Structures are given as C-alpha cells and as structure tokens.
Amino acid sequence: MKKILIVLCLVTSSANADMFTPSHSCSKPIKPYEFTSEWQLDNFKRDVDYYRECINRFVEEQNDAVNTHQNAAQDAIQDWNDFVSWELN
C-alpha cells in the first residue's frame, strides 16, 4: 500500500506540474549590425549584463521552487511512513 501512495503522489504531481509552465520575461538585447560608437557598444554590453542577470534570477527562482516542491513531497512521504509504522503495525 505504501508503494501505491508514493506512485500516485508522483503521477499527480507531474500531472499538475505540466498544467502551468512558467517562462522568463527577460528581454534579449538587440545587437546592431555594426557598432558606430563607444556609447552604443557600452549600452549593448550593459543590456547583455541585464539579460544575463534576469535569466539567472529566473533560474534561481525555478530552482528554489523545485526544492520547495521536493521538500513538500518528502514531508508527505514521511507522514505516510510514520502513519504506517505507528498506526498500522
């Protein structure tokens, strides 16, 4: 019975996870065909840095969410295991 619950939890979790897939809202910088000034080059480099930082923040947020969900799943499994160990034996 324990194995069935764990499998059901995993199937349910992956089904719910696929309902909404977040995506970043970072804007890619547009590289000119040719840089005509130092100012233009500096602005492009700054925009590239902003884009990288935005992507990194998004990835960190997603990784934090993954960890939160994995911890919640582990807590639920532990609750089940405790129940089986203490109430059913």
PDB file of N, CA and C in Angstrom:
ATOM      1  N   MET A   1       0.828  -1.191   0.000  1.00  0.00           N
ATOM      2  CA  MET A   1       0.000   0.000   0.000  1.00  0.00           C
ATOM      3  C   MET A   1       0.871   1.252   0.000  1.00  0.00           C
ATOM      4  N   LYS A   2       1.997   1.195   0.689  1.00  0.00           N
ATOM      5  CA  LYS A   2       2.901   2.337   0.745  1.00  0.00           C
ATOM      6  C   LYS A   2       3.409   2.684  -0.640  1.00  0.00           C
ATOM      7  N   LYS A   3       3.780   1.691  -1.427  1.00  0.00           N
ATOM      8  CA  LYS A   3       4.305   1.929  -2.766  1.00  0.00           C
ATOM      9  C   LYS A   3       3.239   2.547  -3.660  1.00  0.00           C
ATOM     10  N   ILE A   4       2.009   2.134  -3.509  1.00  0.00           N
ATOM     11  CA  ILE A   4       0.919   2.677  -4.332  1.00  0.00           C
ATOM     12  C   ILE A   4       0.745   4.158  -4.072  1.00  0.00           C
ATOM     13  N   LEU A   5       0.768   4.589  -2.825  1.00  0.00           N
ATOM     14  CA  LEU A   5       0.596   6.002  -2.499  1.00  0.00           C
ATOM     15  C   LEU A   5       1.725   6.838  -3.073  1.00  0.00           C
ATOM     16  N   ILE A   6       2.935   6.362  -2.957  1.00  0.00           N
ATOM     17  CA  ILE A   6       4.080   7.121  -3.475  1.00  0.00           C
ATOM     18  C   ILE A   6       3.958   7.271  -4.982  1.00  0.00           C
ATOM     19  N   VAL A   7       3.589   6.227  -5.676  1.00  0.00           N
ATOM     20  CA  VAL A   7       3.419   6.299  -7.127  1.00  0.00           C
ATOM     21  C   VAL A   7       2.298   7.266  -7.475  1.00  0.00           C
ATOM     22  N   LEU A   8       1.189   7.196  -6.761  1.00  0.00           N
ATOM     23  CA  LEU A   8       0.083   8.118  -7.023  1.00  0.00           C
ATOM     24  C   LEU A   8       0.495   9.562  -6.785  1.00  0.00           C
ATOM     25  N   CYS A   9       1.270   9.817  -5.749  1.00  0.00           N
ATOM     26  CA  CYS A   9       1.747  11.168  -5.472  1.00  0.00           C
ATOM     27  C   CYS A   9       2.618  11.672  -6.608  1.00  0.00           C
ATOM     28  N   LEU A  10       3.497  10.829  -7.105  1.00  0.00           N
ATOM     29  CA  LEU A  10       4.394  11.235  -8.184  1.00  0.00           C
ATOM     30  C   LEU A  10       3.622  11.488  -9.469  1.00  0.00           C
ATOM     31  N   VAL A  11       2.656  10.639  -9.793  1.00  0.00           N
ATOM     32  CA  VAL A  11       1.858  10.822 -11.010  1.00  0.00           C
ATOM     33  C   VAL A  11       1.033  12.092 -10.901  1.00  0.00           C
ATOM     34  N   THR A  12       0.399  12.313  -9.768  1.00  0.00           N
ATOM     35  CA  THR A  12      -0.413  13.504  -9.567  1.00  0.00           C
ATOM     36  C   THR A  12       0.443  14.753  -9.634  1.00  0.00           C
ATOM     37  N   SER A  13       1.614  14.725  -9.012  1.00  0.00           N
ATOM     38  CA  SER A  13       2.489  15.890  -9.016  1.00  0.00           C
ATOM     39  C   SER A  13       2.944  16.247 -10.419  1.00  0.00           C
ATOM     40  N   SER A  14       3.332  15.246 -11.208  1.00  0.00           N
ATOM     41  CA  SER A  14       3.798  15.566 -12.545  1.00  0.00           C
ATOM     42  C   SER A  14       2.657  16.019 -13.429  1.00  0.00           C
ATOM     43  N   ALA A  15       1.454  15.532 -13.199  1.00  0.00           N
ATOM     44  CA  ALA A  15       0.317  15.996 -13.995  1.00  0.00           C
ATOM     45  C   ALA A  15       0.022  17.460 -13.677  1.00  0.00           C
ATOM     46  N   ASN A  16       0.049  17.820 -12.415  1.00  0.00           N
ATOM     47  CA  ASN A  16      -0.200  19.208 -12.035  1.00  0.00           C
ATOM     48  C   ASN A  16       0.929  20.132 -12.478  1.00  0.00           C
ATOM     49  N   ALA A  17       2.145  19.647 -12.452  1.00  0.00           N
ATOM     50  CA  ALA A  17       3.285  20.476 -12.832  1.00  0.00           C
ATOM     51  C   ALA A  17       3.218  20.867 -14.297  1.00  0.00           C
ATOM     52  N   ASP A  18       2.645  20.008 -15.136  1.00  0.00           N
ATOM     53  CA  ASP A  18       2.578  20.296 -16.562  1.00  0.00           C
ATOM     54  C   ASP A  18       1.456  21.256 -16.927  1.00  0.00           C
ATOM     55  N   MET A  19       0.561  21.543 -16.018  1.00  0.00           N
ATOM     56  CA  MET A  19      -0.560  22.436 -16.322  1.00  0.00           C
ATOM     57  C   MET A  19      -0.092  23.870 -16.526  1.00  0.00           C
ATOM     58  N   PHE A  20       0.950  24.282 -15.857  1.00  0.00           N
ATOM     59  CA  PHE A  20       1.448  25.646 -15.961  1.00  0.00           C
ATOM     60  C   PHE A  20       2.962  25.609 -16.000  1.00  0.00           C
ATOM     61  N   THR A  21       3.514  26.040 -17.102  1.00  0.00           N
ATOM     62  CA  THR A  21       4.964  26.087 -17.230  1.00  0.00           C
ATOM     63  C   THR A  21       5.392  27.544 -17.295  1.00  0.00           C
ATOM     64  N   PRO A  22       6.045  28.019 -16.259  1.00  0.00           N
ATOM     65  CA  PRO A  22       6.467  29.419 -16.273  1.00  0.00           C
ATOM     66  C   PRO A  22       7.559  29.664 -17.300  1.00  0.00           C
ATOM     67  N   SER A  23       7.622  30.873 -17.784  1.00  0.00           N
ATOM     68  CA  SER A  23       8.718  31.252 -18.672  1.00  0.00           C
ATOM     69  C   SER A  23       9.221  32.620 -18.229  1.00  0.00           C
ATOM     70  N   HIS A  24      10.438  32.880 -18.561  1.00  0.00           N
ATOM     71  CA  HIS A  24      11.022  34.145 -18.142  1.00  0.00           C
ATOM     72  C   HIS A  24      10.437  35.296 -18.967  1.00  0.00           C
ATOM     73  N   SER A  25      10.550  36.476 -18.452  1.00  0.00           N
ATOM     74  CA  SER A  25      10.078  37.665 -19.172  1.00  0.00           C
ATOM     75  C   SER A  25      11.248  38.590 -19.478  1.00  0.00           C
ATOM     76  N   CYS A  26      12.425  38.004 -19.616  1.00  0.00           N
ATOM     77  CA  CYS A  26      13.638  38.770 -19.881  1.00  0.00           C
ATOM     78  C   CYS A  26      13.690  39.160 -21.359  1.00  0.00           C
ATOM     79  N   SER A  27      14.179  40.353 -21.605  1.00  0.00           N
ATOM     80  CA  SER A  27      14.273  40.849 -22.985  1.00  0.00           C
ATOM     81  C   SER A  27      15.699  40.711 -23.497  1.00  0.00           C
ATOM     82  N   LYS A  28      15.828  40.039 -24.638  1.00  0.00           N
ATOM     83  CA  LYS A  28      17.146  39.894 -25.256  1.00  0.00           C
ATOM     84  C   LYS A  28      17.576  41.230 -25.843  1.00  0.00           C
ATOM     85  N   PRO A  29      18.830  41.579 -25.661  1.00  0.00           N
ATOM     86  CA  PRO A  29      19.320  42.806 -26.303  1.00  0.00           C
ATOM     87  C   PRO A  29      19.454  42.591 -27.816  1.00  0.00           C
ATOM     88  N   ILE A  30      19.268  43.640 -28.540  1.00  0.00           N
ATOM     89  CA  ILE A  30      19.407  43.575 -29.994  1.00  0.00           C
ATOM     90  C   ILE A  30      20.790  44.094 -30.362  1.00  0.00           C
ATOM     91  N   LYS A  31      21.522  43.229 -31.014  1.00  0.00           N
ATOM     92  CA  LYS A  31      22.886  43.600 -31.406  1.00  0.00           C
ATOM     93  C   LYS A  31      22.848  44.301 -32.764  1.00  0.00           C
ATOM     94  N   PRO A  32      23.394  45.501 -32.807  1.00  0.00           N
ATOM     95  CA  PRO A  32      23.442  46.183 -34.110  1.00  0.00           C
ATOM     96  C   PRO A  32      24.362  45.445 -35.080  1.00  0.00           C
ATOM     97  N   TYR A  33      24.103  45.634 -36.352  1.00  0.00           N
ATOM     98  CA  TYR A  33      24.962  45.026 -37.367  1.00  0.00           C
ATOM     99  C   TYR A  33      26.395  45.509 -37.191  1.00  0.00           C
ATOM    100  N   GLU A  34      26.525  46.777 -36.837  1.00  0.00           N
ATOM    101  CA  GLU A  34      27.845  47.364 -36.628  1.00  0.00           C
ATOM    102  C   GLU A  34      27.733  48.415 -35.528  1.00  0.00           C
ATOM    103  N   PHE A  35      28.699  48.428 -34.624  1.00  0.00           N
ATOM    104  CA  PHE A  35      28.727  49.446 -33.575  1.00  0.00           C
ATOM    105  C   PHE A  35      29.356  50.710 -34.155  1.00  0.00           C
ATOM    106  N   THR A  36      28.640  51.815 -34.034  1.00  0.00           N
ATOM    107  CA  THR A  36      29.120  53.072 -34.630  1.00  0.00           C
ATOM    108  C   THR A  36      29.748  54.001 -33.606  1.00  0.00           C
ATOM    109  N   SER A  37      29.645  53.615 -32.320  1.00  0.00           N
ATOM    110  CA  SER A  37      30.246  54.462 -31.288  1.00  0.00           C
ATOM    111  C   SER A  37      30.543  53.624 -30.050  1.00  0.00           C
ATOM    112  N   GLU A  38      31.400  54.165 -29.225  1.00  0.00           N
ATOM    113  CA  GLU A  38      31.716  53.516 -27.946  1.00  0.00           C
ATOM    114  C   GLU A  38      30.481  53.490 -27.056  1.00  0.00           C
ATOM    115  N   TRP A  39      29.705  54.540 -27.116  1.00  0.00           N
ATOM    116  CA  TRP A  39      28.462  54.628 -26.333  1.00  0.00           C
ATOM    117  C   TRP A  39      27.520  53.487 -26.705  1.00  0.00           C
ATOM    118  N   GLN A  40      27.373  53.227 -27.993  1.00  0.00           N
ATOM    119  CA  GLN A  40      26.493  52.156 -28.457  1.00  0.00           C
ATOM    120  C   GLN A  40      27.009  50.787 -27.972  1.00  0.00           C
ATOM    121  N   LEU A  41      28.292  50.576 -28.036  1.00  0.00           N
ATOM    122  CA  LEU A  41      28.894  49.330 -27.561  1.00  0.00           C
ATOM    123  C   LEU A  41      28.692  49.170 -26.059  1.00  0.00           C
ATOM    124  N   ASP A  42      28.915  50.241 -25.305  1.00  0.00           N
ATOM    125  CA  ASP A  42      28.720  50.190 -23.846  1.00  0.00           C
ATOM    126  C   ASP A  42      27.277  49.875 -23.486  1.00  0.00           C
ATOM    127  N   ASN A  43      26.345  50.481 -24.193  1.00  0.00           N
ATOM    128  CA  ASN A  43      24.926  50.209 -23.930  1.00  0.00           C
ATOM    129  C   ASN A  43      24.574  48.758 -24.232  1.00  0.00           C
ATOM    130  N   PHE A  44      25.107  48.248 -25.316  1.00  0.00           N
ATOM    131  CA  PHE A  44      24.841  46.849 -25.660  1.00  0.00           C
ATOM    132  C   PHE A  44      25.404  45.923 -24.583  1.00  0.00           C
ATOM    133  N   LYS A  45      26.617  46.172 -24.142  1.00  0.00           N
ATOM    134  CA  LYS A  45      27.216  45.350 -23.078  1.00  0.00           C
ATOM    135  C   LYS A  45      26.386  45.419 -21.803  1.00  0.00           C
ATOM    136  N   ARG A  46      25.905  46.603 -21.465  1.00  0.00           N
ATOM    137  CA  ARG A  46      25.052  46.767 -20.275  1.00  0.00           C
ATOM    138  C   ARG A  46      23.764  45.956 -20.440  1.00  0.00           C
ATOM    139  N   ASP A  47      23.170  46.031 -21.632  1.00  0.00           N
ATOM    140  CA  ASP A  47      21.940  45.274 -21.882  1.00  0.00           C
ATOM    141  C   ASP A  47      22.177  43.762 -21.816  1.00  0.00           C
ATOM    142  N   VAL A  48      23.334  43.314 -22.291  1.00  0.00           N
ATOM    143  CA  VAL A  48      23.689  41.890 -22.196  1.00  0.00           C
ATOM    144  C   VAL A  48      23.799  41.484 -20.726  1.00  0.00           C
ATOM    145  N   ASP A  49      24.420  42.327 -19.921  1.00  0.00           N
ATOM    146  CA  ASP A  49      24.536  42.044 -18.482  1.00  0.00           C
ATOM    147  C   ASP A  49      23.163  41.964 -17.822  1.00  0.00           C
ATOM    148  N   TYR A  50      22.265  42.888 -18.152  1.00  0.00           N
ATOM    149  CA  TYR A  50      20.904  42.868 -17.596  1.00  0.00           C
ATOM    150  C   TYR A  50      20.169  41.591 -17.999  1.00  0.00           C
ATOM    151  N   TYR A  51      20.343  41.195 -19.252  1.00  0.00           N
ATOM    152  CA  TYR A  51      19.692  39.984 -19.742  1.00  0.00           C
ATOM    153  C   TYR A  51      20.199  38.757 -18.978  1.00  0.00           C
ATOM    154  N   ARG A  52      21.526  38.652 -18.824  1.00  0.00           N
ATOM    155  CA  ARG A  52      22.121  37.536 -18.078  1.00  0.00           C
ATOM    156  C   ARG A  52      21.609  37.512 -16.635  1.00  0.00           C
ATOM    157  N   GLU A  53      21.582  38.676 -15.991  1.00  0.00           N
ATOM    158  CA  GLU A  53      21.105  38.747 -14.605  1.00  0.00           C
ATOM    159  C   GLU A  53      19.644  38.338 -14.503  1.00  0.00           C
ATOM    160  N   CYS A  54      18.844  38.762 -15.463  1.00  0.00           N
ATOM    161  CA  CYS A  54      17.422  38.406 -15.461  1.00  0.00           C
ATOM    162  C   CYS A  54      17.244  36.900 -15.606  1.00  0.00           C
ATOM    163  N   ILE A  55      17.965  36.302 -16.545  1.00  0.00           N
ATOM    164  CA  ILE A  55      17.889  34.849 -16.739  1.00  0.00           C
ATOM    165  C   ILE A  55      18.360  34.124 -15.479  1.00  0.00           C
ATOM    166  N   ASN A  56      19.448  34.582 -14.885  1.00  0.00           N
ATOM    167  CA  ASN A  56      19.956  33.951 -13.663  1.00  0.00           C
ATOM    168  C   ASN A  56      18.941  34.025 -12.526  1.00  0.00           C
ATOM    169  N   ARG A  57      18.272  35.177 -12.382  1.00  0.00           N
ATOM    170  CA  ARG A  57      17.243  35.305 -11.335  1.00  0.00           C
ATOM    171  C   ARG A  57      16.102  34.323 -11.585  1.00  0.00           C
ATOM    172  N   PHE A  58      15.673  34.220 -12.836  1.00  0.00           N
ATOM    173  CA  PHE A  58      14.593  33.300 -13.177  1.00  0.00           C
ATOM    174  C   PHE A  58      14.986  31.857 -12.843  1.00  0.00           C
ATOM    175  N   VAL A  59      16.200  31.463 -13.235  1.00  0.00           N
ATOM    176  CA  VAL A  59      16.666  30.100 -12.968  1.00  0.00           C
ATOM    177  C   VAL A  59      16.733  29.845 -11.469  1.00  0.00           C
ATOM    178  N   GLU A  60      17.231  30.806 -10.713  1.00  0.00           N
ATOM    179  CA  GLU A  60      17.286  30.648  -9.252  1.00  0.00           C
ATOM    180  C   GLU A  60      15.887  30.480  -8.666  1.00  0.00           C
ATOM    181  N   GLU A  61      14.943  31.280  -9.134  1.00  0.00           N
ATOM    182  CA  GLU A  61      13.562  31.178  -8.638  1.00  0.00           C
ATOM    183  C   GLU A  61      12.984  29.801  -8.949  1.00  0.00           C
ATOM    184  N   GLN A  62      13.247  29.304 -10.146  1.00  0.00           N
ATOM    185  CA  GLN A  62      12.729  27.989 -10.516  1.00  0.00           C
ATOM    186  C   GLN A  62      13.387  26.887  -9.691  1.00  0.00           C
ATOM    187  N   ASN A  63      14.685  26.990  -9.480  1.00  0.00           N
ATOM    188  CA  ASN A  63      15.379  26.002  -8.647  1.00  0.00           C
ATOM    189  C   ASN A  63      14.876  26.035  -7.213  1.00  0.00           C
ATOM    190  N   ASP A  64      14.602  27.230  -6.685  1.00  0.00           N
ATOM    191  CA  ASP A  64      14.031  27.336  -5.337  1.00  0.00           C
ATOM    192  C   ASP A  64      12.661  26.661  -5.284  1.00  0.00           C
ATOM    193  N   ALA A  65      11.865  26.860  -6.324  1.00  0.00           N
ATOM    194  CA  ALA A  65      10.536  26.236  -6.371  1.00  0.00           C
ATOM    195  C   ALA A  65      10.661  24.712  -6.428  1.00  0.00           C
ATOM    196  N   VAL A  66      11.615  24.214  -7.199  1.00  0.00           N
ATOM    197  CA  VAL A  66      11.842  22.765  -7.275  1.00  0.00           C
ATOM    198  C   VAL A  66      12.177  22.230  -5.891  1.00  0.00           C
ATOM    199  N   ASN A  67      13.079  22.903  -5.201  1.00  0.00           N
ATOM    200  CA  ASN A  67      13.460  22.457  -3.857  1.00  0.00           C
ATOM    201  C   ASN A  67      12.274  22.476  -2.907  1.00  0.00           C
ATOM    202  N   THR A  68      11.461  23.509  -2.991  1.00  0.00           N
ATOM    203  CA  THR A  68      10.272  23.599  -2.136  1.00  0.00           C
ATOM    204  C   THR A  68       9.329  22.429  -2.395  1.00  0.00           C
ATOM    205  N   HIS A  69       9.096  22.120  -3.658  1.00  0.00           N
ATOM    206  CA  HIS A  69       8.190  21.023  -4.004  1.00  0.00           C
ATOM    207  C   HIS A  69       8.770  19.668  -3.615  1.00  0.00           C
ATOM    208  N   GLN A  70      10.066  19.498  -3.810  1.00  0.00           N
ATOM    209  CA  GLN A  70      10.693  18.231  -3.406  1.00  0.00           C
ATOM    210  C   GLN A  70      10.603  18.053  -1.895  1.00  0.00           C
ATOM    211  N   ASN A  71      10.825  19.119  -1.150  1.00  0.00           N
ATOM    212  CA  ASN A  71      10.714  19.033   0.311  1.00  0.00           C
ATOM    213  C   ASN A  71       9.289  18.708   0.736  1.00  0.00           C
ATOM    214  N   ALA A  72       8.303  19.312   0.076  1.00  0.00           N
ATOM    215  CA  ALA A  72       6.909  19.022   0.402  1.00  0.00           C
ATOM    216  C   ALA A  72       6.581  17.563   0.111  1.00  0.00           C
ATOM    217  N   ALA A  73       7.079  17.050  -1.003  1.00  0.00           N
ATOM    218  CA  ALA A  73       6.846  15.643  -1.341  1.00  0.00           C
ATOM    219  C   ALA A  73       7.504  14.729  -0.309  1.00  0.00           C
ATOM    220  N   GLN A  74       8.723  15.037   0.081  1.00  0.00           N
ATOM    221  CA  GLN A  74       9.421  14.227   1.078  1.00  0.00           C
ATOM    222  C   GLN A  74       8.685  14.262   2.420  1.00  0.00           C
ATOM    223  N   ASP A  75       8.164  15.432   2.793  1.00  0.00           N
ATOM    224  CA  ASP A  75       7.403  15.539   4.045  1.00  0.00           C
ATOM    225  C   ASP A  75       6.145  14.672   3.993  1.00  0.00           C
ATOM    226  N   ALA A  76       5.471  14.677   2.852  1.00  0.00           N
ATOM    227  CA  ALA A  76       4.263  13.849   2.706  1.00  0.00           C
ATOM    228  C   ALA A  76       4.608  12.370   2.788  1.00  0.00           C
ATOM    229  N   ILE A  77       5.682  11.979   2.141  1.00  0.00           N
ATOM    230  CA  ILE A  77       6.119  10.579   2.205  1.00  0.00           C
ATOM    231  C   ILE A  77       6.467  10.199   3.633  1.00  0.00           C
ATOM    232  N   GLN A  78       7.143  11.099   4.337  1.00  0.00           N
ATOM    233  CA  GLN A  78       7.491  10.823   5.736  1.00  0.00           C
ATOM    234  C   GLN A  78       6.241  10.690   6.597  1.00  0.00           C
ATOM    235  N   ASP A  79       5.241  11.547   6.343  1.00  0.00           N
ATOM    236  CA  ASP A  79       3.973  11.432   7.081  1.00  0.00           C
ATOM    237  C   ASP A  79       3.342  10.062   6.854  1.00  0.00           C
ATOM    238  N   TRP A  80       3.338   9.611   5.612  1.00  0.00           N
ATOM    239  CA  TRP A  80       2.776   8.305   5.300  1.00  0.00           C
ATOM    240  C   TRP A  80       3.565   7.195   5.999  1.00  0.00           C
ATOM    241  N   ASN A  81       4.877   7.268   5.891  1.00  0.00           N
ATOM    242  CA  ASN A  81       5.713   6.242   6.514  1.00  0.00           C
ATOM    243  C   ASN A  81       5.523   6.211   8.025  1.00  0.00           C
ATOM    244  N   ASP A  82       5.418   7.375   8.653  1.00  0.00           N
ATOM    245  CA  ASP A  82       5.156   7.429  10.098  1.00  0.00           C
ATOM    246  C   ASP A  82       3.802   6.814  10.429  1.00  0.00           C
ATOM    247  N   PHE A  83       2.802   7.125   9.627  1.00  0.00           N
ATOM    248  CA  PHE A  83       1.468   6.567   9.842  1.00  0.00           C
ATOM    249  C   PHE A  83       1.506   5.044   9.762  1.00  0.00           C
ATOM    250  N   VAL A  84       2.169   4.526   8.711  1.00  0.00           N
ATOM    251  CA  VAL A  84       2.255   3.070   8.531  1.00  0.00           C
ATOM    252  C   VAL A  84       2.996   2.452   9.707  1.00  0.00           C
ATOM    253  N   SER A  85       4.094   3.073  10.095  1.00  0.00           N
ATOM    254  CA  SER A  85       4.911   2.499  11.180  1.00  0.00           C
ATOM    255  C   SER A  85       4.186   2.526  12.522  1.00  0.00           C
ATOM    256  N   TRP A  86       3.492   3.622  12.825  1.00  0.00           N
ATOM    257  CA  TRP A  86       2.918   3.773  14.161  1.00  0.00           C
ATOM    258  C   TRP A  86       1.465   3.361  14.265  1.00  0.00           C
ATOM    259  N   GLU A  87       0.704   3.502  13.199  1.00  0.00           N
ATOM    260  CA  GLU A  87      -0.738   3.225  13.295  1.00  0.00           C
ATOM    261  C   GLU A  87      -1.150   1.858  12.738  1.00  0.00           C
ATOM    262  N   LEU A  88      -0.427   1.381  11.748  1.00  0.00           N
ATOM    263  CA  LEU A  88      -0.842   0.137  11.104  1.00  0.00           C
ATOM    264  C   LEU A  88      -0.077  -1.083  11.608  1.00  0.00           C
ATOM    265  N   ASN A  89       0.966  -0.891  12.341  1.00  0.00           N
ATOM    266  CA  ASN A  89       1.725  -2.035  12.865  1.00  0.00           C
ATOM    267  C   ASN A  89       1.381  -2.316  14.299  1.00  0.00           C
TER     268      ASN A  89
END
